[in-house]
PDB file of N, CA and C in Angstrom:
ATOM      1  N   ALA A   1       0.795  -1.208   0.000  1.00  0.00           N
ATOM      2  CA  ALA A   1       0.000   0.000   0.000  1.00  0.00           C
ATOM      3  C   ALA A   1       0.839   1.276   0.000  1.00  0.00           C
ATOM      4  N   PRO A   2       2.002   1.310   0.655  1.00  0.00           N
ATOM      5  CA  PRO A   2       2.779   2.555   0.636  1.00  0.00           C
ATOM      6  C   PRO A   2       3.193   2.975  -0.775  1.00  0.00           C
ATOM      7  N   GLU A   3       3.288   2.005  -1.676  1.00  0.00           N
ATOM      8  CA  GLU A   3       3.642   2.339  -3.054  1.00  0.00           C
ATOM      9  C   GLU A   3       2.638   3.328  -3.643  1.00  0.00           C
ATOM     10  N   TYR A   4       1.420   3.290  -3.129  1.00  0.00           N
ATOM     11  CA  TYR A   4       0.358   4.200  -3.548  1.00  0.00           C
ATOM     12  C   TYR A   4       0.774   5.651  -3.299  1.00  0.00           C
ATOM     13  N   VAL A   5       1.570   5.869  -2.244  1.00  0.00           N
ATOM     14  CA  VAL A   5       1.968   7.216  -1.852  1.00  0.00           C
ATOM     15  C   VAL A   5       3.384   7.561  -2.306  1.00  0.00           C
ATOM     16  N   ILE A   6       4.336   6.654  -2.084  1.00  0.00           N
ATOM     17  CA  ILE A   6       5.749   6.984  -2.317  1.00  0.00           C
ATOM     18  C   ILE A   6       6.377   6.233  -3.482  1.00  0.00           C
ATOM     19  N   GLY A   7       5.604   5.464  -4.200  1.00  0.00           N
ATOM     20  CA  GLY A   7       6.178   4.692  -5.299  1.00  0.00           C
ATOM     21  C   GLY A   7       6.814   3.415  -4.776  1.00  0.00           C
ATOM     22  N   ASP A   8       7.180   2.546  -5.684  1.00  0.00           N
ATOM     23  CA  ASP A   8       7.742   1.249  -5.316  1.00  0.00           C
ATOM     24  C   ASP A   8       9.259   1.341  -5.311  1.00  0.00           C
ATOM     25  N   MET A   9       9.835   1.473  -4.127  1.00  0.00           N
ATOM     26  CA  MET A   9      11.289   1.594  -4.017  1.00  0.00           C
ATOM     27  C   MET A   9      11.943   0.220  -4.063  1.00  0.00           C
ATOM     28  N   ILE A  10      13.109   0.165  -4.684  1.00  0.00           N
ATOM     29  CA  ILE A  10      13.847  -1.086  -4.725  1.00  0.00           C
ATOM     30  C   ILE A  10      14.508  -1.334  -3.370  1.00  0.00           C
ATOM     31  N   SER A  11      14.768  -2.598  -3.083  1.00  0.00           N
ATOM     32  CA  SER A  11      15.308  -2.987  -1.773  1.00  0.00           C
ATOM     33  C   SER A  11      16.580  -2.244  -1.376  1.00  0.00           C
ATOM     34  N   PRO A  12      17.551  -2.027  -2.297  1.00  0.00           N
ATOM     35  CA  PRO A  12      18.749  -1.293  -1.875  1.00  0.00           C
ATOM     36  C   PRO A  12      18.449   0.112  -1.352  1.00  0.00           C
ATOM     37  N   VAL A  13      17.458   0.772  -1.925  1.00  0.00           N
ATOM     38  CA  VAL A  13      17.086   2.110  -1.440  1.00  0.00           C
ATOM     39  C   VAL A  13      16.463   1.990  -0.051  1.00  0.00           C
ATOM     40  N   LYS A  14      15.598   1.005   0.119  1.00  0.00           N
ATOM     41  CA  LYS A  14      14.986   0.796   1.435  1.00  0.00           C
ATOM     42  C   LYS A  14      16.062   0.545   2.487  1.00  0.00           C
ATOM     43  N   SER A  15      17.058  -0.268   2.124  1.00  0.00           N
ATOM     44  CA  SER A  15      18.156  -0.562   3.056  1.00  0.00           C
ATOM     45  C   SER A  15      18.958   0.691   3.379  1.00  0.00           C
ATOM     46  N   ALA A  16      19.187   1.522   2.371  1.00  0.00           N
ATOM     47  CA  ALA A  16      19.963   2.749   2.576  1.00  0.00           C
ATOM     48  C   ALA A  16      19.236   3.716   3.508  1.00  0.00           C
ATOM     49  N   VAL A  17      17.917   3.748   3.412  1.00  0.00           N
ATOM     50  CA  VAL A  17      17.137   4.618   4.296  1.00  0.00           C
ATOM     51  C   VAL A  17      17.266   4.124   5.737  1.00  0.00           C
ATOM     52  N   GLY A  18      17.378   2.824   5.897  1.00  0.00           N
ATOM     53  CA  GLY A  18      17.586   2.251   7.220  1.00  0.00           C
ATOM     54  C   GLY A  18      16.301   1.799   7.883  1.00  0.00           C
ATOM     55  N   PRO A  19      16.378   1.498   9.183  1.00  0.00           N
ATOM     56  CA  PRO A  19      15.226   0.948   9.891  1.00  0.00           C
ATOM     57  C   PRO A  19      14.021   1.886   9.914  1.00  0.00           C
ATOM     58  N   ASP A  20      14.274   3.175   9.780  1.00  0.00           N
ATOM     59  CA  ASP A  20      13.151   4.115   9.766  1.00  0.00           C
ATOM     60  C   ASP A  20      12.234   3.889   8.569  1.00  0.00           C
ATOM     61  N   TYR A  21      12.758   3.280   7.499  1.00  0.00           N
ATOM     62  CA  TYR A  21      11.896   3.002   6.350  1.00  0.00           C
ATOM     63  C   TYR A  21      10.775   2.049   6.756  1.00  0.00           C
ATOM     64  N   GLY A  22      11.103   1.044   7.553  1.00  0.00           N
ATOM     65  CA  GLY A  22      10.086   0.092   8.001  1.00  0.00           C
ATOM     66  C   GLY A  22       8.991   0.768   8.806  1.00  0.00           C
ATOM     67  N   VAL A  23       9.374   1.704   9.659  1.00  0.00           N
ATOM     68  CA  VAL A  23       8.402   2.450  10.462  1.00  0.00           C
ATOM     69  C   VAL A  23       7.510   3.284   9.544  1.00  0.00           C
ATOM     70  N   LEU A  24       8.130   3.988   8.596  1.00  0.00           N
ATOM     71  CA  LEU A  24       7.369   4.791   7.636  1.00  0.00           C
ATOM     72  C   LEU A  24       6.415   3.912   6.838  1.00  0.00           C
ATOM     73  N   ASP A  25       6.911   2.780   6.367  1.00  0.00           N
ATOM     74  CA  ASP A  25       6.104   1.841   5.590  1.00  0.00           C
ATOM     75  C   ASP A  25       4.885   1.383   6.393  1.00  0.00           C
ATOM     76  N   ASP A  26       5.108   1.001   7.646  1.00  0.00           N
ATOM     77  CA  ASP A  26       4.005   0.539   8.495  1.00  0.00           C
ATOM     78  C   ASP A  26       2.976   1.639   8.745  1.00  0.00           C
ATOM     79  N   ARG A  27       3.443   2.854   8.991  1.00  0.00           N
ATOM     80  CA  ARG A  27       2.521   3.960   9.278  1.00  0.00           C
ATOM     81  C   ARG A  27       1.714   4.345   8.041  1.00  0.00           C
ATOM     82  N   LEU A  28       2.380   4.389   6.886  1.00  0.00           N
ATOM     83  CA  LEU A  28       1.655   4.692   5.647  1.00  0.00           C
ATOM     84  C   LEU A  28       0.631   3.608   5.337  1.00  0.00           C
ATOM     85  N   THR A  29       1.040   2.364   5.511  1.00  0.00           N
ATOM     86  CA  THR A  29       0.124   1.250   5.259  1.00  0.00           C
ATOM     87  C   THR A  29      -1.114   1.369   6.139  1.00  0.00           C
ATOM     88  N   ALA A  30      -0.920   1.624   7.417  1.00  0.00           N
ATOM     89  CA  ALA A  30      -2.057   1.753   8.336  1.00  0.00           C
ATOM     90  C   ALA A  30      -2.975   2.895   7.917  1.00  0.00           C
ATOM     91  N   ALA A  31      -2.400   4.039   7.565  1.00  0.00           N
ATOM     92  CA  ALA A  31      -3.211   5.196   7.160  1.00  0.00           C
ATOM     93  C   ALA A  31      -4.008   4.901   5.892  1.00  0.00           C
ATOM     94  N   ILE A  32      -3.381   4.256   4.933  1.00  0.00           N
ATOM     95  CA  ILE A  32      -4.070   3.931   3.675  1.00  0.00           C
ATOM     96  C   ILE A  32      -5.177   2.920   3.931  1.00  0.00           C
ATOM     97  N   HIS A  33      -4.893   1.905   4.735  1.00  0.00           N
ATOM     98  CA  HIS A  33      -5.924   0.912   5.048  1.00  0.00           C
ATOM     99  C   HIS A  33      -7.129   1.572   5.701  1.00  0.00           C
ATOM    100  N   ILE A  34      -6.875   2.425   6.679  1.00  0.00           N
ATOM    101  CA  ILE A  34      -7.977   3.096   7.373  1.00  0.00           C
ATOM    102  C   ILE A  34      -8.791   3.942   6.399  1.00  0.00           C
ATOM    103  N   ARG A  35      -8.105   4.651   5.502  1.00  0.00           N
ATOM    104  CA  ARG A  35      -8.809   5.505   4.536  1.00  0.00           C
ATOM    105  C   ARG A  35      -9.762   4.704   3.664  1.00  0.00           C
ATOM    106  N   PHE A  36      -9.384   3.458   3.363  1.00  0.00           N
ATOM    107  CA  PHE A  36     -10.208   2.633   2.491  1.00  0.00           C
ATOM    108  C   PHE A  36     -11.058   1.627   3.261  1.00  0.00           C
ATOM    109  N   GLY A  37     -11.243   1.884   4.551  1.00  0.00           N
ATOM    110  CA  GLY A  37     -12.157   1.069   5.341  1.00  0.00           C
ATOM    111  C   GLY A  37     -11.624  -0.297   5.722  1.00  0.00           C
ATOM    112  N   LEU A  38     -10.314  -0.462   5.695  1.00  0.00           N
ATOM    113  CA  LEU A  38      -9.698  -1.729   6.087  1.00  0.00           C
ATOM    114  C   LEU A  38      -9.110  -1.590   7.482  1.00  0.00           C
ATOM    115  N   PRO A  39      -8.865  -2.725   8.142  1.00  0.00           N
ATOM    116  CA  PRO A  39      -8.189  -2.619   9.435  1.00  0.00           C
ATOM    117  C   PRO A  39      -6.778  -2.059   9.257  1.00  0.00           C
ATOM    118  N   ALA A  40      -6.320  -1.276  10.215  1.00  0.00           N
ATOM    119  CA  ALA A  40      -4.984  -0.671  10.119  1.00  0.00           C
ATOM    120  C   ALA A  40      -3.913  -1.740   9.962  1.00  0.00           C
ATOM    121  N   ILE A  41      -4.064  -2.826  10.699  1.00  0.00           N
ATOM    122  CA  ILE A  41      -3.117  -3.938  10.613  1.00  0.00           C
ATOM    123  C   ILE A  41      -3.878  -5.157  10.105  1.00  0.00           C
ATOM    124  N   LEU A  42      -3.434  -5.681   8.980  1.00  0.00           N
ATOM    125  CA  LEU A  42      -4.098  -6.843   8.397  1.00  0.00           C
ATOM    126  C   LEU A  42      -3.675  -8.120   9.110  1.00  0.00           C
ATOM    127  N   PRO A  43      -4.579  -9.096   9.187  1.00  0.00           N
ATOM    128  CA  PRO A  43      -4.195 -10.390   9.757  1.00  0.00           C
ATOM    129  C   PRO A  43      -3.066 -11.025   8.935  1.00  0.00           C
ATOM    130  N   VAL A  44      -2.248 -11.813   9.605  1.00  0.00           N
ATOM    131  CA  VAL A  44      -1.116 -12.465   8.945  1.00  0.00           C
ATOM    132  C   VAL A  44      -1.586 -13.302   7.760  1.00  0.00           C
ATOM    133  N   SER A  45      -2.730 -13.968   7.898  1.00  0.00           N
ATOM    134  CA  SER A  45      -3.230 -14.812   6.802  1.00  0.00           C
ATOM    135  C   SER A  45      -3.526 -13.978   5.551  1.00  0.00           C
ATOM    136  N   VAL A  46      -4.026 -12.772   5.735  1.00  0.00           N
ATOM    137  CA  VAL A  46      -4.303 -11.890   4.594  1.00  0.00           C
ATOM    138  C   VAL A  46      -2.989 -11.411   3.983  1.00  0.00           C
ATOM    139  N   LYS A  47      -2.025 -11.055   4.837  1.00  0.00           N
ATOM    140  CA  LYS A  47      -0.717 -10.631   4.330  1.00  0.00           C
ATOM    141  C   LYS A  47      -0.075 -11.734   3.494  1.00  0.00           C
ATOM    142  N   ARG A  48      -0.222 -12.981   3.937  1.00  0.00           N
ATOM    143  CA  ARG A  48       0.331 -14.111   3.177  1.00  0.00           C
ATOM    144  C   ARG A  48      -0.319 -14.215   1.802  1.00  0.00           C
ATOM    145  N   GLN A  49      -1.625 -14.029   1.759  1.00  0.00           N
ATOM    146  CA  GLN A  49      -2.334 -14.104   0.477  1.00  0.00           C
ATOM    147  C   GLN A  49      -1.899 -12.977  -0.461  1.00  0.00           C
ATOM    148  N   ILE A  50      -1.690 -11.789   0.084  1.00  0.00           N
ATOM    149  CA  ILE A  50      -1.220 -10.659  -0.725  1.00  0.00           C
ATOM    150  C   ILE A  50       0.170 -10.964  -1.270  1.00  0.00           C
ATOM    151  N   LYS A  51       1.047 -11.498  -0.420  1.00  0.00           N
ATOM    152  CA  LYS A  51       2.409 -11.846  -0.845  1.00  0.00           C
ATOM    153  C   LYS A  51       2.363 -12.905  -1.946  1.00  0.00           C
ATOM    154  N   LYS A  52       1.476 -13.870  -1.793  1.00  0.00           N
ATOM    155  CA  LYS A  52       1.318 -14.927  -2.803  1.00  0.00           C
ATOM    156  C   LYS A  52       0.862 -14.321  -4.130  1.00  0.00           C
ATOM    157  N   ALA A  53      -0.109 -13.421  -4.073  1.00  0.00           N
ATOM    158  CA  ALA A  53      -0.595 -12.759  -5.293  1.00  0.00           C
ATOM    159  C   ALA A  53       0.506 -11.926  -5.937  1.00  0.00           C
ATOM    160  N   ASP A  54       1.324 -11.247  -5.126  1.00  0.00           N
ATOM    161  CA  ASP A  54       2.454 -10.467  -5.655  1.00  0.00           C
ATOM    162  C   ASP A  54       3.432 -11.361  -6.405  1.00  0.00           C
ATOM    163  N   LYS A  55       3.737 -12.513  -5.831  1.00  0.00           N
ATOM    164  CA  LYS A  55       4.687 -13.427  -6.480  1.00  0.00           C
ATOM    165  C   LYS A  55       4.121 -13.977  -7.787  1.00  0.00           C
ATOM    166  N   ILE A  56       2.843 -14.302  -7.788  1.00  0.00           N
ATOM    167  CA  ILE A  56       2.217 -14.797  -9.017  1.00  0.00           C
ATOM    168  C   ILE A  56       2.220 -13.700 -10.074  1.00  0.00           C
ATOM    169  N   SER A  57       1.916 -12.474  -9.672  1.00  0.00           N
ATOM    170  CA  SER A  57       1.949 -11.348 -10.616  1.00  0.00           C
ATOM    171  C   SER A  57       3.349 -11.145 -11.175  1.00  0.00           C
ATOM    172  N   ALA A  58       4.356 -11.223 -10.310  1.00  0.00           N
ATOM    173  CA  ALA A  58       5.742 -11.071 -10.768  1.00  0.00           C
ATOM    174  C   ALA A  58       6.106 -12.182 -11.747  1.00  0.00           C
ATOM    175  N   TRP A  59       5.666 -13.400 -11.472  1.00  0.00           N
ATOM    176  CA  TRP A  59       5.929 -14.533 -12.362  1.00  0.00           C
ATOM    177  C   TRP A  59       5.275 -14.299 -13.729  1.00  0.00           C
ATOM    178  N   LEU A  60       4.024 -13.864 -13.710  1.00  0.00           N
ATOM    179  CA  LEU A  60       3.321 -13.596 -14.974  1.00  0.00           C
ATOM    180  C   LEU A  60       4.003 -12.477 -15.757  1.00  0.00           C
ATOM    181  N   GLU A  61       4.377 -11.404 -15.081  1.00  0.00           N
ATOM    182  CA  GLU A  61       5.069 -10.299 -15.756  1.00  0.00           C
ATOM    183  C   GLU A  61       6.396 -10.763 -16.341  1.00  0.00           C
ATOM    184  N   ALA A  62       7.120 -11.577 -15.584  1.00  0.00           N
ATOM    185  CA  ALA A  62       8.420 -12.067 -16.053  1.00  0.00           C
ATOM    186  C   ALA A  62       8.269 -12.936 -17.299  1.00  0.00           C
ATOM    187  N   THR A  63       7.283 -13.832 -17.281  1.00  0.00           N
ATOM    188  CA  THR A  63       7.146 -14.776 -18.401  1.00  0.00           C
ATOM    189  C   THR A  63       6.397 -14.193 -19.593  1.00  0.00           C
ATOM    190  N   GLN A  64       5.499 -13.254 -19.351  1.00  0.00           N
ATOM    191  CA  GLN A  64       4.688 -12.737 -20.458  1.00  0.00           C
ATOM    192  C   GLN A  64       5.157 -11.390 -20.995  1.00  0.00           C
ATOM    193  N   ILE A  65       5.904 -10.641 -20.204  1.00  0.00           N
ATOM    194  CA  ILE A  65       6.327  -9.307 -20.642  1.00  0.00           C
ATOM    195  C   ILE A  65       7.844  -9.213 -20.767  1.00  0.00           C
ATOM    196  N   ALA A  66       8.556  -9.663 -19.743  1.00  0.00           N
ATOM    197  CA  ALA A  66      10.004  -9.441 -19.685  1.00  0.00           C
ATOM    198  C   ALA A  66      10.831 -10.483 -20.435  1.00  0.00           C
ATOM    199  N   GLY A  67      10.197 -11.528 -20.934  1.00  0.00           N
ATOM    200  CA  GLY A  67      10.919 -12.506 -21.736  1.00  0.00           C
ATOM    201  C   GLY A  67      11.661 -13.581 -20.958  1.00  0.00           C
ATOM    202  N   PHE A  68      11.357 -13.739 -19.675  1.00  0.00           N
ATOM    203  CA  PHE A  68      11.983 -14.807 -18.902  1.00  0.00           C
ATOM    204  C   PHE A  68      11.458 -16.154 -19.384  1.00  0.00           C
ATOM    205  N   LYS A  69      12.304 -17.151 -19.330  1.00  0.00           N
ATOM    206  CA  LYS A  69      11.855 -18.521 -19.551  1.00  0.00           C
ATOM    207  C   LYS A  69      11.149 -18.970 -18.271  1.00  0.00           C
ATOM    208  N   VAL A  70      10.221 -19.911 -18.423  1.00  0.00           N
ATOM    209  CA  VAL A  70       9.436 -20.363 -17.276  1.00  0.00           C
ATOM    210  C   VAL A  70      10.337 -20.849 -16.144  1.00  0.00           C
ATOM    211  N   ASP A  71      11.378 -21.630 -16.466  1.00  0.00           N
ATOM    212  CA  ASP A  71      12.240 -22.149 -15.399  1.00  0.00           C
ATOM    213  C   ASP A  71      12.998 -21.030 -14.677  1.00  0.00           C
ATOM    214  N   GLU A  72      13.339 -19.957 -15.396  1.00  0.00           N
ATOM    215  CA  GLU A  72      13.989 -18.804 -14.752  1.00  0.00           C
ATOM    216  C   GLU A  72      13.031 -18.138 -13.766  1.00  0.00           C
ATOM    217  N   ALA A  73      11.805 -17.919 -14.228  1.00  0.00           N
ATOM    218  CA  ALA A  73      10.802 -17.279 -13.368  1.00  0.00           C
ATOM    219  C   ALA A  73      10.487 -18.161 -12.159  1.00  0.00           C
ATOM    220  N   ASP A  74      10.432 -19.479 -12.385  1.00  0.00           N
ATOM    221  CA  ASP A  74      10.176 -20.401 -11.275  1.00  0.00           C
ATOM    222  C   ASP A  74      11.240 -20.260 -10.190  1.00  0.00           C
ATOM    223  N   LYS A  75      12.505 -20.123 -10.601  1.00  0.00           N
ATOM    224  CA  LYS A  75      13.604 -20.002  -9.632  1.00  0.00           C
ATOM    225  C   LYS A  75      13.513 -18.689  -8.849  1.00  0.00           C
ATOM    226  N   LEU A  76      13.146 -17.617  -9.535  1.00  0.00           N
ATOM    227  CA  LEU A  76      13.111 -16.305  -8.887  1.00  0.00           C
ATOM    228  C   LEU A  76      11.867 -16.069  -8.038  1.00  0.00           C
ATOM    229  N   PHE A  77      10.725 -16.513  -8.533  1.00  0.00           N
ATOM    230  CA  PHE A  77       9.458 -16.160  -7.890  1.00  0.00           C
ATOM    231  C   PHE A  77       8.695 -17.347  -7.322  1.00  0.00           C
ATOM    232  N   GLY A  78       9.227 -18.555  -7.530  1.00  0.00           N
ATOM    233  CA  GLY A  78       8.506 -19.753  -7.134  1.00  0.00           C
ATOM    234  C   GLY A  78       7.584 -20.181  -8.256  1.00  0.00           C
ATOM    235  N   LYS A  79       7.345 -21.474  -8.330  1.00  0.00           N
ATOM    236  CA  LYS A  79       6.484 -22.003  -9.393  1.00  0.00           C
ATOM    237  C   LYS A  79       5.027 -21.913  -8.933  1.00  0.00           C
ATOM    238  N   PRO A  80       4.220 -21.109  -9.622  1.00  0.00           N
ATOM    239  CA  PRO A  80       2.813 -20.995  -9.203  1.00  0.00           C
ATOM    240  C   PRO A  80       2.027 -22.250  -9.576  1.00  0.00           C
ATOM    241  N   ALA A  81       0.998 -22.522  -8.815  1.00  0.00           N
ATOM    242  CA  ALA A  81       0.125 -23.652  -9.125  1.00  0.00           C
ATOM    243  C   ALA A  81      -0.515 -23.413 -10.489  1.00  0.00           C
ATOM    244  N   PRO A  82      -0.485 -24.425 -11.355  1.00  0.00           N
ATOM    245  CA  PRO A  82      -1.039 -24.246 -12.706  1.00  0.00           C
ATOM    246  C   PRO A  82      -2.481 -23.742 -12.716  1.00  0.00           C
ATOM    247  N   ASP A  83      -3.297 -24.202 -11.764  1.00  0.00           N
ATOM    248  CA  ASP A  83      -4.697 -23.765 -11.761  1.00  0.00           C
ATOM    249  C   ASP A  83      -4.842 -22.276 -11.445  1.00  0.00           C
ATOM    250  N   LEU A  84      -3.786 -21.664 -10.892  1.00  0.00           N
ATOM    251  CA  LEU A  84      -3.838 -20.229 -10.606  1.00  0.00           C
ATOM    252  C   LEU A  84      -3.417 -19.370 -11.794  1.00  0.00           C
ATOM    253  N   VAL A  85      -2.619 -19.932 -12.706  1.00  0.00           N
ATOM    254  CA  VAL A  85      -2.092 -19.116 -13.806  1.00  0.00           C
ATOM    255  C   VAL A  85      -2.579 -19.540 -15.186  1.00  0.00           C
ATOM    256  N   ASN A  86      -3.080 -20.763 -15.303  1.00  0.00           N
ATOM    257  CA  ASN A  86      -3.554 -21.202 -16.622  1.00  0.00           C
ATOM    258  C   ASN A  86      -4.676 -20.293 -17.112  1.00  0.00           C
ATOM    259  N   GLY A  87      -4.508 -19.808 -18.314  1.00  0.00           N
ATOM    260  CA  GLY A  87      -5.519 -18.948 -18.920  1.00  0.00           C
ATOM    261  C   GLY A  87      -5.376 -17.473 -18.586  1.00  0.00           C
ATOM    262  N   LEU A  88      -4.488 -17.131 -17.672  1.00  0.00           N
ATOM    263  CA  LEU A  88      -4.280 -15.714 -17.359  1.00  0.00           C
ATOM    264  C   LEU A  88      -3.338 -15.100 -18.386  1.00  0.00           C
ATOM    265  N   ARG A  89      -3.744 -13.994 -18.961  1.00  0.00           N
ATOM    266  CA  ARG A  89      -2.925 -13.296 -19.952  1.00  0.00           C
ATOM    267  C   ARG A  89      -2.846 -11.833 -19.561  1.00  0.00           C
ATOM    268  N   ILE A  90      -1.653 -11.295 -19.644  1.00  0.00           N
ATOM    269  CA  ILE A  90      -1.474  -9.864 -19.425  1.00  0.00           C
ATOM    270  C   ILE A  90      -1.651  -9.181 -20.770  1.00  0.00           C
ATOM    271  N   HIS A  91      -2.557  -8.241 -20.826  1.00  0.00           N
ATOM    272  CA  HIS A  91      -2.809  -7.496 -22.061  1.00  0.00           C
ATOM    273  C   HIS A  91      -2.203  -6.104 -21.903  1.00  0.00           C
ATOM    274  N   LEU A  92      -1.170  -5.843 -22.691  1.00  0.00           N
ATOM    275  CA  LEU A  92      -0.523  -4.537 -22.622  1.00  0.00           C
ATOM    276  C   LEU A  92      -1.432  -3.479 -23.233  1.00  0.00           C
ATOM    277  N   ARG A  93      -1.475  -2.330 -22.572  1.00  0.00           N
ATOM    278  CA  ARG A  93      -2.314  -1.224 -23.031  1.00  0.00           C
ATOM    279  C   ARG A  93      -1.506   0.058 -22.969  1.00  0.00           C
ATOM    280  N   PRO A  94      -1.903   1.054 -23.734  1.00  0.00           N
ATOM    281  CA  PRO A  94      -1.196   2.342 -23.681  1.00  0.00           C
ATOM    282  C   PRO A  94      -1.261   2.937 -22.268  1.00  0.00           C
ATOM    283  N   PRO A  95      -0.144   3.451 -21.769  1.00  0.00           N
ATOM    284  CA  PRO A  95      -0.108   3.990 -20.405  1.00  0.00           C
ATOM    285  C   PRO A  95      -1.175   5.048 -20.121  1.00  0.00           C
ATOM    286  N   LEU A  96      -1.444   5.920 -21.068  1.00  0.00           N
ATOM    287  CA  LEU A  96      -2.451   6.965 -20.817  1.00  0.00           C
ATOM    288  C   LEU A  96      -3.844   6.371 -20.654  1.00  0.00           C
ATOM    289  N   ALA A  97      -4.141   5.323 -21.409  1.00  0.00           N
ATOM    290  CA  ALA A  97      -5.439   4.662 -21.274  1.00  0.00           C
ATOM    291  C   ALA A  97      -5.544   3.966 -19.920  1.00  0.00           C
ATOM    292  N   VAL A  98      -4.464   3.339 -19.490  1.00  0.00           N
ATOM    293  CA  VAL A  98      -4.456   2.672 -18.186  1.00  0.00           C
ATOM    294  C   VAL A  98      -4.644   3.698 -17.074  1.00  0.00           C
ATOM    295  N   ARG A  99      -3.922   4.813 -17.165  1.00  0.00           N
ATOM    296  CA  ARG A  99      -4.056   5.856 -16.141  1.00  0.00           C
ATOM    297  C   ARG A  99      -5.492   6.383 -16.110  1.00  0.00           C
ATOM    298  N   ARG A 100      -6.070   6.631 -17.264  1.00  0.00           N
ATOM    299  CA  ARG A 100      -7.447   7.141 -17.327  1.00  0.00           C
ATOM    300  C   ARG A 100      -8.409   6.161 -16.662  1.00  0.00           C
ATOM    301  N   ASP A 101      -8.303   4.883 -17.022  1.00  0.00           N
ATOM    302  CA  ASP A 101      -9.217   3.883 -16.473  1.00  0.00           C
ATOM    303  C   ASP A 101      -8.994   3.668 -14.973  1.00  0.00           C
ATOM    304  N   PHE A 102      -7.720   3.664 -14.556  1.00  0.00           N
ATOM    305  CA  PHE A 102      -7.407   3.501 -13.137  1.00  0.00           C
ATOM    306  C   PHE A 102      -7.982   4.668 -12.341  1.00  0.00           C
ATOM    307  N   THR A 103      -7.774   5.872 -12.830  1.00  0.00           N
ATOM    308  CA  THR A 103      -8.261   7.066 -12.137  1.00  0.00           C
ATOM    309  C   THR A 103      -9.782   7.059 -12.048  1.00  0.00           C
ATOM    310  N   ALA A 104     -10.440   6.680 -13.129  1.00  0.00           N
ATOM    311  CA  ALA A 104     -11.904   6.623 -13.121  1.00  0.00           C
ATOM    312  C   ALA A 104     -12.397   5.594 -12.107  1.00  0.00           C
ATOM    313  N   ARG A 105     -11.764   4.442 -12.070  1.00  0.00           N
ATOM    314  CA  ARG A 105     -12.169   3.396 -11.124  1.00  0.00           C
ATOM    315  C   ARG A 105     -11.911   3.845  -9.683  1.00  0.00           C
ATOM    316  N   HIS A 106     -10.768   4.470  -9.470  1.00  0.00           N
ATOM    317  CA  HIS A 106     -10.417   4.978  -8.139  1.00  0.00           C
ATOM    318  C   HIS A 106     -11.454   5.999  -7.676  1.00  0.00           C
ATOM    319  N   GLU A 107     -11.808   6.920  -8.545  1.00  0.00           N
ATOM    320  CA  GLU A 107     -12.806   7.934  -8.192  1.00  0.00           C
ATOM    321  C   GLU A 107     -14.147   7.289  -7.863  1.00  0.00           C
ATOM    322  N   GLN A 108     -14.529   6.268  -8.628  1.00  0.00           N
ATOM    323  CA  GLN A 108     -15.796   5.590  -8.372  1.00  0.00           C
ATOM    324  C   GLN A 108     -15.769   4.879  -7.017  1.00  0.00           C
ATOM    325  N   LEU A 109     -14.663   4.225  -6.709  1.00  0.00           N
ATOM    326  CA  LEU A 109     -14.551   3.553  -5.410  1.00  0.00           C
ATOM    327  C   LEU A 109     -14.649   4.554  -4.263  1.00  0.00           C
ATOM    328  N   LEU A 110     -14.009   5.710  -4.414  1.00  0.00           N
ATOM    329  CA  LEU A 110     -14.096   6.733  -3.373  1.00  0.00           C
ATOM    330  C   LEU A 110     -15.527   7.240  -3.220  1.00  0.00           C
ATOM    331  N   LYS A 111     -16.228   7.441  -4.333  1.00  0.00           N
ATOM    332  CA  LYS A 111     -17.628   7.878  -4.261  1.00  0.00           C
ATOM    333  C   LYS A 111     -18.479   6.835  -3.555  1.00  0.00           C
ATOM    334  N   ASP A 112     -18.225   5.564  -3.867  1.00  0.00           N
ATOM    335  CA  ASP A 112     -19.005   4.486  -3.263  1.00  0.00           C
ATOM    336  C   ASP A 112     -18.785   4.391  -1.756  1.00  0.00           C
ATOM    337  N   MET A 113     -17.634   4.852  -1.288  1.00  0.00           N
ATOM    338  CA  MET A 113     -17.324   4.796   0.144  1.00  0.00           C
ATOM    339  C   MET A 113     -18.025   5.891   0.931  1.00  0.00           C
ATOM    340  N   ASP A 114     -18.210   7.032   0.322  1.00  0.00           N
ATOM    341  CA  ASP A 114     -18.797   8.171   1.021  1.00  0.00           C
ATOM    342  C   ASP A 114     -20.314   8.111   0.932  1.00  0.00           C
ATOM    343  N   PRO A 115     -20.980   8.304   2.090  1.00  0.00           N
ATOM    344  CA  PRO A 115     -22.463   8.240   2.086  1.00  0.00           C
ATOM    345  C   PRO A 115     -23.101   9.381   1.343  1.00  0.00           C
TER     346      PRO A 115
END
C-alpha cells in the first residue's frame, strides 16, 4: 500500500534509508488501510495471500512481458500452481489509457465509500 503514496522503491534504497523506512512503511500502510475502510493492521493470513498474489503477478510479468523462460521465473518467484495461472494473460495497453481507467475506477470507489 505505501507504493500508492511513495512509489515502489527497490530494496537497496529501502536498506539505505535504514530501519526508519520500516516504520514509515508501516505507518503509511495503516493510514491507507484506514482511509479505504480496512483494518490498520491486516491479519497475517491476509498478508500471506497478498504476498502470494504479488509473487504470481511477478511470475506472470516475467514470463509474459520481460521474456523470462518459465524455469527462470520459477527459480526467482517460485512455481505458481497451474490452476492459478492457466488462462491468465497480461494485455498490454497504452499507459495513458491505463491511467485514465485507473483514475476513473479509483474515483468511483471513493464515491461508493462516502455516504
